[in-house]
Amino acid sequence: MGLTIYGMPASRAIRNLWMLKELGVDYQHVALPFGPEGTKSDWYQKLNPRGQVPALDDDGLVLTESLAINLYLAKKCGGPLAPANAGEDGLMTSWGMWSAILDNQAYALYRTNLDVPEDMRAEAAAPGVAVLRGKIAVLEAHLANHGFLVGGRFTVADLNLIGCLFYLRLNPEVLADAPTVRAWYAAGLARPAAMAAWALREG
């Protein structure tokens, strides 16, 4: 069976598609739609009772949560994106948890842009913008000192966090005072594997 990733490219599955392309491994992609024909179907509910995407099936081992899937793939496949030792593994897990919290906050702000009337949007978004600016300031200082999140090189930790920051694309003001973050983010998305994965969204 090998590796199978479930989820539309226009979902958090994009992070896993990017990771798989970075790793250069063989995989199958099931672009599963939301709703009764996909995520709510009986067969998928049996595979993943949470009924969400993405999900990874690795020869019968089913994993969910995009950031956790990528950490698993990095450690399974090895290479420069993977932790080189237990210390790096711990740091990558720590950044992964930090990224997961930021992901929820960034997504809430993203939904504000879509769901709140324009004349009320700035006021509704202000608390979220303030919280995220604080987090970005922490990230800016770290990247200014280290260049990357862990180990002085691009790793799964960077990939995961860049995937979360994608939700800030409608709120560039959050990154206005973070030139190092902006450059790191742009460089990550310019990687050939990232461009190949994001092309699936556009296709």
Protein backbone atom coordinates (compact mmCIF):
# COMPACT_ATOMS: atom_id res chain seq x y z
CA MET A 1 0.00 0.00 0.00
CA GLY A 2 2.73 2.50 0.89
CA LEU A 3 1.92 6.08 1.83
CA THR A 4 -1.48 7.57 1.09
CA ILE A 5 -2.41 11.13 2.02
CA TYR A 6 -6.06 12.16 2.13
CA GLY A 7 -7.24 15.75 1.68
CA MET A 8 -7.80 18.46 -0.88
CA PRO A 9 -4.75 20.59 -1.66
CA ALA A 10 -6.82 23.59 -0.53
CA SER A 11 -6.77 22.28 3.03
CA ARG A 12 -4.14 21.66 5.69
CA ALA A 13 -3.15 18.62 3.62
CA ILE A 14 -1.04 21.04 1.56
CA ARG A 15 1.56 20.90 4.34
CA ASN A 16 1.85 17.14 3.96
CA LEU A 17 1.97 17.30 0.19
CA TRP A 18 4.83 19.79 0.49
CA MET A 19 6.64 17.51 2.94
CA LEU A 20 6.22 14.46 0.74
CA LYS A 21 7.63 16.35 -2.22
CA GLU A 22 10.58 17.51 -0.12
CA LEU A 23 11.27 13.90 0.81
CA GLY A 24 10.95 12.65 -2.76
CA VAL A 25 9.16 9.46 -1.69
CA ASP A 26 6.44 7.64 -3.56
CA TYR A 27 2.93 8.30 -2.30
CA GLN A 28 -0.68 8.28 -3.37
CA HIS A 29 -2.84 11.37 -2.98
CA VAL A 30 -6.60 11.10 -2.54
CA ALA A 31 -7.97 14.63 -2.98
CA LEU A 32 -10.82 13.96 -0.62
CA PRO A 33 -13.58 16.60 -0.70
CA PHE A 34 -15.45 17.81 2.35
CA GLY A 35 -18.95 16.46 2.94
CA PRO A 36 -20.90 13.23 2.39
CA GLU A 37 -18.95 12.24 -0.72
CA GLY A 38 -15.64 12.55 1.10
CA THR A 39 -14.86 13.33 4.73
CA LYS A 40 -18.34 12.28 5.93
CA SER A 41 -18.50 9.09 3.89
CA ASP A 42 -18.78 5.78 5.70
CA TRP A 43 -15.50 4.43 4.40
CA TYR A 44 -13.54 7.49 5.44
CA GLN A 45 -15.19 7.62 8.85
CA LYS A 46 -13.95 4.07 9.38
CA LEU A 47 -10.45 5.06 8.32
CA ASN A 48 -10.47 8.27 10.36
CA PRO A 49 -13.32 8.54 12.90
CA ARG A 50 -12.41 12.21 13.46
CA GLY A 51 -13.73 12.85 9.97
CA GLN A 52 -11.16 15.50 9.19
CA VAL A 53 -8.34 15.95 6.74
CA PRO A 54 -5.53 15.42 6.35
CA ALA A 55 -5.01 11.81 7.24
CA LEU A 56 -2.03 9.65 6.39
CA ASP A 57 -2.28 5.89 5.88
CA ASP A 58 1.14 4.28 6.04
CA ASP A 59 0.51 0.58 5.39
CA GLY A 60 -2.34 0.53 7.88
CA LEU A 61 -0.94 3.04 10.38
CA VAL A 62 -3.37 5.96 10.24
CA LEU A 63 -2.21 9.34 11.51
CA THR A 64 -4.07 12.64 11.64
CA GLU A 65 -3.11 16.28 12.29
CA SER A 66 -0.94 17.82 9.58
CA LEU A 67 1.93 18.91 11.84
CA ALA A 68 2.17 15.52 13.55
CA ILE A 69 2.07 13.75 10.18
CA ASN A 70 5.02 15.80 8.98
CA LEU A 71 7.06 15.12 12.11
CA TYR A 72 6.37 11.40 11.63
CA LEU A 73 7.38 11.52 7.96
CA ALA A 74 10.59 13.38 8.78
CA LYS A 75 11.65 10.81 11.37
CA LYS A 76 10.55 7.86 9.24
CA CYS A 77 12.39 9.00 6.12
CA GLY A 78 15.37 10.82 7.63
CA GLY A 79 17.48 13.34 5.78
CA PRO A 80 18.22 17.01 6.46
CA LEU A 81 14.63 17.90 7.36
CA ALA A 82 14.59 15.31 10.14
CA PRO A 83 15.99 15.71 13.66
CA ALA A 84 19.66 14.77 13.83
CA ASN A 85 19.50 13.77 17.49
CA ALA A 86 17.18 13.65 20.50
CA GLY A 87 17.78 17.31 21.28
CA GLU A 88 16.68 18.42 17.84
CA ASP A 89 13.72 16.07 18.07
CA GLY A 90 12.63 17.77 21.28
CA LEU A 91 13.09 21.24 19.81
CA MET A 92 11.11 20.32 16.70
CA THR A 93 8.30 18.92 18.83
CA SER A 94 8.30 22.09 20.94
CA TRP A 95 8.11 24.31 17.87
CA GLY A 96 5.40 22.03 16.49
CA MET A 97 3.22 22.61 19.54
CA TRP A 98 3.88 26.34 19.35
CA SER A 99 2.95 26.25 15.67
CA ALA A 100 -0.29 24.41 16.39
CA ILE A 101 -1.42 27.16 18.77
CA LEU A 102 -0.45 29.84 16.26
CA ASP A 103 -2.27 27.90 13.55
CA ASN A 104 -5.57 28.10 15.44
CA GLN A 105 -5.10 31.81 16.12
CA ALA A 106 -4.12 32.58 12.53
CA TYR A 107 -7.06 30.58 11.18
CA ALA A 108 -9.47 32.47 13.45
CA LEU A 109 -8.11 35.73 12.08
CA TYR A 110 -8.38 34.40 8.53
CA ARG A 111 -12.04 33.52 9.12
CA THR A 112 -12.65 37.02 10.44
CA ASN A 113 -11.71 38.36 7.02
CA LEU A 114 -14.21 36.05 5.39
CA ASP A 115 -17.10 36.08 7.84
CA VAL A 116 -17.28 39.59 9.33
CA PRO A 117 -18.77 42.51 7.35
CA GLU A 118 -16.07 44.79 6.01
CA ASP A 119 -17.11 47.81 8.08
CA MET A 120 -16.74 45.76 11.29
CA ARG A 121 -13.69 43.74 10.29
CA ALA A 122 -10.86 45.91 11.61
CA GLU A 123 -12.39 46.11 15.08
CA ALA A 124 -13.15 42.38 15.14
CA ALA A 125 -9.64 41.49 13.98
CA ALA A 126 -7.74 43.83 16.33
CA PRO A 127 -7.41 41.41 19.30
CA GLY A 128 -6.19 38.59 17.07
CA VAL A 129 -3.75 40.85 15.26
CA ALA A 130 -2.30 42.02 18.58
CA VAL A 131 -1.81 38.46 19.87
CA LEU A 132 -0.20 37.30 16.66
CA ARG A 133 2.10 40.30 16.47
CA GLY A 134 3.42 39.29 19.86
CA LYS A 135 4.12 35.77 18.64
CA ILE A 136 5.73 37.04 15.45
CA ALA A 137 8.02 39.28 17.51
CA VAL A 138 9.27 36.17 19.32
CA LEU A 139 9.80 34.39 16.00
CA GLU A 140 11.57 37.43 14.52
CA ALA A 141 14.08 37.49 17.36
CA HIS A 142 14.73 33.75 17.09
CA LEU A 143 15.24 33.79 13.33
CA ALA A 144 17.43 36.89 13.49
CA ASN A 145 19.75 34.97 15.84
CA HIS A 146 19.59 31.50 14.31
CA GLY A 147 18.38 31.76 10.70
CA PHE A 148 16.08 28.74 11.07
CA LEU A 149 14.04 27.21 13.86
CA VAL A 150 16.31 24.25 14.65
CA GLY A 151 19.83 23.20 13.77
CA GLY A 152 20.78 26.13 11.55
CA ARG A 153 19.08 24.57 8.53
CA PHE A 154 15.64 24.24 6.94
CA THR A 155 13.79 21.41 8.68
CA VAL A 156 10.29 20.05 9.15
CA ALA A 157 9.87 22.59 11.97
CA ASP A 158 10.26 25.45 9.48
CA LEU A 159 8.00 23.77 6.94
CA ASN A 160 5.26 23.25 9.52
CA LEU A 161 5.34 26.81 10.81
CA ILE A 162 5.40 28.32 7.31
CA GLY A 163 2.34 26.23 6.53
CA CYS A 164 0.59 27.77 9.53
CA LEU A 165 1.63 31.33 8.67
CA PHE A 166 -0.04 30.89 5.29
CA TYR A 167 -3.30 31.78 7.03
CA LEU A 168 -1.95 35.29 7.60
CA ARG A 169 -1.92 36.09 3.90
CA LEU A 170 -4.96 38.37 4.30
CA ASN A 171 -3.36 40.19 7.23
CA PRO A 172 0.09 41.34 6.10
CA GLU A 173 0.10 43.90 8.91
CA VAL A 174 0.90 41.08 11.34
CA LEU A 175 4.30 40.65 9.65
CA ALA A 176 4.91 44.34 8.98
CA ASP A 177 7.58 44.68 11.68
CA ALA A 178 9.23 41.30 11.03
CA PRO A 179 11.54 41.53 7.98
CA THR A 180 13.48 38.41 8.94
CA VAL A 181 10.27 36.39 9.23
CA ARG A 182 9.07 37.68 5.87
CA ALA A 183 12.34 36.74 4.16
CA TRP A 184 12.40 33.28 5.80
CA TYR A 185 8.75 32.70 4.86
CA ALA A 186 9.32 33.76 1.24
CA ALA A 187 12.42 31.59 0.93
CA GLY A 188 10.52 28.58 2.28
CA LEU A 189 7.70 28.96 -0.22
CA ALA A 190 10.24 29.43 -3.03
CA ARG A 191 11.69 25.96 -2.47
CA PRO A 192 11.02 23.72 -5.51
CA ALA A 193 9.04 21.21 -3.43
CA ALA A 194 6.86 23.97 -1.99
CA MET A 195 6.19 25.39 -5.43
CA ALA A 196 5.27 21.95 -6.74
CA ALA A 197 2.86 21.37 -3.85
CA TRP A 198 1.23 24.78 -4.06
CA ALA A 199 0.74 24.27 -7.81
CA LEU A 200 -1.70 21.51 -6.84
CA ARG A 201 -3.87 24.11 -5.10
CA GLU A 202 -3.92 26.25 -8.20
CA GLY A 203 -4.62 23.29 -10.46
